[in-house]
Amino acid sequence: MIYSDEGCVSHYTFDSAVTVLPQPVADFSNDPDIARLTTADPLVQFKNLSQQANWYVWTFGDGARSNEHNPAHEYREQGEYEIMLAARNVYQCTDTLRKMAFVNHANIPFIPSAFTPNGDGQNEVFFVEGLQDISKFEMYIYDRWGNQIYFDEGLDASWAGRNSQNRLVQQGTYAYKIVYTHNNGEDFELFGNVTVIGIE
């Protein structure tokens, strides 16, 4: 409706068309559950479930990126990571989806099978690696007759190849018992053998 300066009224209809472009929808699934990843099994396979899109970019929160349709990604350290998938169509319309991944440290102890306490500065001490979030740690060492010859405790417990009299033991195989408690209250006991070598 148009009004003139004299107060006259006129009607005019404009023909117009509004084009609605299709919008992409970013979506994905993953295996295993990204809320319960561990450093023992850190590989994730992603499945792209996006619709109305033909271009994709993934970021995994640790500096890595991918343009693959269904990428796999391995996390090397524990932590929290934001995963983002951006999906774009031929009309340059973009949608994004973000999910959080949680990677927890897996308490898998690494216990060496041998060490050389010979004073050369290399591999001098027997100790356990790979444990975190523990409240108690004890190390027992036994000779081949089952006699306890050494004990240490604490998170830095180790054995330098000496007995309870602080004398260097003879070259040979010794038994160990490792006892530790996780912060969640779960107790563990590990048994095995370690060989002392390089002693004349």
Protein backbone atom coordinates (compact mmCIF):
# COMPACT_ATOMS: atom_id res chain seq x y z
CA MET A 1 0.00 0.00 0.00
CA ILE A 2 1.41 3.38 -1.07
CA TYR A 3 0.21 6.84 0.06
CA SER A 4 0.78 9.96 -2.10
CA ASP A 5 1.40 13.46 -0.77
CA GLU A 6 -2.24 14.25 -1.50
CA GLY A 7 -3.45 11.30 0.56
CA CYS A 8 -4.27 9.05 -2.36
CA VAL A 9 -3.87 5.33 -1.84
CA SER A 10 -2.50 2.85 -4.36
CA HIS A 11 -1.91 -0.89 -4.12
CA TYR A 12 0.97 -2.74 -5.78
CA THR A 13 2.05 -6.35 -5.39
CA PHE A 14 5.71 -7.35 -5.79
CA ASP A 15 6.43 -10.85 -6.98
CA SER A 16 9.47 -12.30 -5.23
CA ALA A 17 10.93 -15.70 -4.45
CA VAL A 18 12.96 -16.74 -1.42
CA THR A 19 15.38 -19.60 -1.95
CA VAL A 20 16.01 -21.78 1.12
CA LEU A 21 19.32 -23.56 0.82
CA PRO A 22 19.64 -27.07 2.29
CA GLN A 23 21.56 -27.11 5.56
CA PRO A 24 24.07 -29.83 6.45
CA VAL A 25 23.77 -31.70 9.73
CA ALA A 26 27.06 -32.78 11.34
CA ASP A 27 26.92 -36.03 13.29
CA PHE A 28 29.21 -38.94 14.15
CA SER A 29 29.51 -42.03 16.30
CA ASN A 30 32.63 -43.63 17.70
CA ASP A 31 33.99 -46.96 18.92
CA PRO A 32 34.97 -47.40 21.69
CA ASP A 33 33.16 -44.97 24.00
CA ILE A 34 35.20 -41.74 24.01
CA ALA A 35 34.10 -41.04 27.59
CA ARG A 36 36.02 -44.11 28.82
CA LEU A 37 39.27 -44.29 26.85
CA THR A 38 42.50 -45.48 28.44
CA THR A 39 46.17 -45.19 27.51
CA ALA A 40 46.15 -48.99 27.12
CA ASP A 41 43.54 -48.81 24.34
CA PRO A 42 43.61 -45.25 22.95
CA LEU A 43 42.56 -45.94 19.33
CA VAL A 44 39.14 -44.57 18.31
CA GLN A 45 37.32 -45.35 15.08
CA PHE A 46 34.88 -42.62 14.02
CA LYS A 47 31.83 -43.12 11.80
CA ASN A 48 30.58 -40.04 9.94
CA LEU A 49 26.78 -39.81 10.16
CA SER A 50 26.47 -36.31 8.69
CA GLN A 51 23.71 -35.49 6.19
CA GLN A 52 23.50 -33.05 3.27
CA ALA A 53 27.28 -32.53 3.24
CA ASN A 54 30.16 -33.38 0.95
CA TRP A 55 33.19 -31.87 2.71
CA TYR A 56 34.43 -32.63 6.21
CA VAL A 57 37.19 -31.64 8.60
CA TRP A 58 37.89 -33.29 11.94
CA THR A 59 39.95 -31.93 14.81
CA PHE A 60 40.75 -34.22 17.73
CA GLY A 61 41.80 -31.77 20.45
CA ASP A 62 45.47 -32.77 20.45
CA GLY A 63 46.57 -30.82 17.39
CA ALA A 64 45.71 -33.54 14.86
CA ARG A 65 43.28 -33.00 11.96
CA SER A 66 41.74 -35.15 9.25
CA ASN A 67 39.62 -34.73 6.11
CA GLU A 68 38.77 -38.42 5.88
CA HIS A 69 35.14 -39.47 5.88
CA ASN A 70 35.56 -42.08 8.65
CA PRO A 71 38.92 -41.45 10.32
CA ALA A 72 40.62 -43.32 13.15
CA HIS A 73 42.66 -41.53 15.77
CA GLU A 74 44.99 -42.63 18.58
CA TYR A 75 45.53 -40.54 21.71
CA ARG A 76 49.05 -40.76 23.09
CA GLU A 77 48.55 -39.14 26.48
CA GLN A 78 45.90 -39.04 29.17
CA GLY A 79 43.72 -35.94 29.31
CA GLU A 80 40.51 -34.34 28.08
CA TYR A 81 40.14 -33.60 24.37
CA GLU A 82 37.46 -31.77 22.38
CA ILE A 83 36.59 -33.54 19.13
CA MET A 84 35.00 -31.38 16.44
CA LEU A 85 33.48 -32.38 13.13
CA ALA A 86 32.68 -29.61 10.63
CA ALA A 87 30.43 -30.63 7.71
CA ARG A 88 29.92 -28.39 4.65
CA ASN A 89 27.77 -28.74 1.54
CA VAL A 90 28.04 -27.44 -2.04
CA TYR A 91 26.32 -24.20 -1.04
CA GLN A 92 29.11 -23.48 1.49
CA CYS A 93 26.71 -23.95 4.41
CA THR A 94 28.45 -25.45 7.44
CA ASP A 95 27.39 -27.25 10.59
CA THR A 96 29.64 -28.38 13.45
CA LEU A 97 29.38 -30.95 16.21
CA ARG A 98 31.61 -31.13 19.30
CA LYS A 99 32.09 -33.98 21.76
CA MET A 100 34.53 -34.48 24.64
CA ALA A 101 36.93 -37.43 24.86
CA PHE A 102 38.37 -38.52 28.20
CA VAL A 103 41.58 -40.57 28.18
CA ASN A 104 42.56 -42.08 31.53
CA HIS A 105 45.92 -43.54 32.45
CA ALA A 106 45.84 -47.35 32.54
CA ASN A 107 47.80 -48.73 35.47
CA ILE A 108 49.77 -51.34 33.56
CA PRO A 109 53.10 -51.85 35.33
CA PHE A 110 56.29 -52.34 33.37
CA ILE A 111 58.66 -54.58 35.32
CA PRO A 112 62.09 -55.25 33.79
CA SER A 113 63.36 -58.82 33.61
CA ALA A 114 67.01 -57.96 34.26
CA PHE A 115 69.34 -55.18 35.38
CA THR A 116 73.09 -54.61 35.76
CA PRO A 117 74.17 -53.04 39.09
CA ASN A 118 77.85 -52.97 38.07
CA GLY A 119 78.59 -49.26 38.46
CA ASP A 120 78.66 -48.33 34.77
CA GLY A 121 75.76 -45.90 35.21
CA GLN A 122 73.39 -47.80 32.93
CA ASN A 123 70.44 -49.95 34.00
CA GLU A 124 71.72 -49.92 37.58
CA VAL A 125 68.43 -50.18 39.45
CA PHE A 126 65.39 -52.47 39.41
CA PHE A 127 62.12 -50.52 39.67
CA VAL A 128 58.54 -50.54 38.39
CA GLU A 129 57.24 -48.02 35.85
CA GLY A 130 53.77 -47.20 34.55
CA LEU A 131 51.81 -46.88 37.79
CA GLN A 132 49.88 -43.76 38.76
CA ASP A 133 47.26 -42.85 41.35
CA ILE A 134 48.51 -45.35 43.91
CA SER A 135 48.53 -44.83 47.67
CA LYS A 136 50.78 -47.73 48.72
CA PHE A 137 53.71 -49.52 47.10
CA GLU A 138 55.92 -52.29 48.54
CA MET A 139 58.75 -54.27 46.96
CA TYR A 140 60.04 -57.61 48.31
CA ILE A 141 63.10 -59.42 46.92
CA TYR A 142 63.86 -63.10 47.63
CA ASP A 143 66.85 -65.32 46.91
CA ARG A 144 66.53 -68.69 45.19
CA TRP A 145 65.81 -70.41 48.52
CA GLY A 146 62.86 -68.13 49.23
CA ASN A 147 64.59 -65.98 51.85
CA GLN A 148 63.70 -62.31 51.86
CA ILE A 149 66.87 -60.33 51.24
CA TYR A 150 65.49 -56.87 50.54
CA PHE A 151 62.45 -54.68 51.18
CA ASP A 152 61.55 -51.16 50.11
CA GLU A 153 58.34 -49.15 50.14
CA GLY A 154 56.98 -45.89 48.84
CA LEU A 155 56.24 -44.57 45.37
CA ASP A 156 59.98 -44.44 44.53
CA ALA A 157 60.83 -47.92 45.80
CA SER A 158 63.66 -49.66 43.92
CA TRP A 159 66.39 -52.26 44.33
CA ALA A 160 70.06 -51.57 43.57
CA GLY A 161 71.11 -55.21 43.79
CA ARG A 162 72.12 -55.18 47.45
CA ASN A 163 70.87 -57.31 50.34
CA SER A 164 69.69 -56.23 53.77
CA GLN A 165 73.36 -55.93 54.87
CA ASN A 166 73.96 -53.54 51.95
CA ARG A 167 76.20 -56.06 50.21
CA LEU A 168 76.04 -56.53 46.46
CA VAL A 169 74.34 -59.80 45.64
CA GLN A 170 75.74 -62.44 43.34
CA GLN A 171 74.83 -62.64 39.69
CA GLY A 172 71.73 -64.76 39.24
CA THR A 173 67.93 -64.84 39.29
CA TYR A 174 65.88 -63.45 42.19
CA ALA A 175 62.18 -63.50 42.91
CA TYR A 176 60.14 -60.38 43.57
CA LYS A 177 56.74 -59.58 45.03
CA ILE A 178 55.19 -56.19 44.28
CA VAL A 179 52.25 -55.03 46.38
CA TYR A 180 50.39 -51.80 45.65
CA THR A 181 47.05 -50.15 46.35
CA HIS A 182 45.20 -47.96 43.87
CA ASN A 183 43.62 -44.74 45.11
CA ASN A 184 40.21 -46.38 44.61
CA GLY A 185 41.12 -48.93 47.32
CA GLU A 186 41.82 -51.89 45.03
CA ASP A 187 44.84 -54.00 46.07
CA PHE A 188 47.25 -55.74 43.70
CA GLU A 189 50.01 -58.34 44.13
CA LEU A 190 52.50 -59.16 41.37
CA PHE A 191 55.06 -61.98 41.39
CA GLY A 192 57.95 -62.70 39.07
CA ASN A 193 61.69 -63.04 38.60
CA VAL A 194 64.45 -60.58 37.87
CA THR A 195 67.97 -61.45 36.80
CA VAL A 196 71.03 -59.65 38.12
CA ILE A 197 73.72 -59.64 35.44
CA GLY A 198 77.00 -57.90 34.72
CA ILE A 199 78.58 -58.66 38.10
CA GLU A 200 81.94 -60.37 38.19
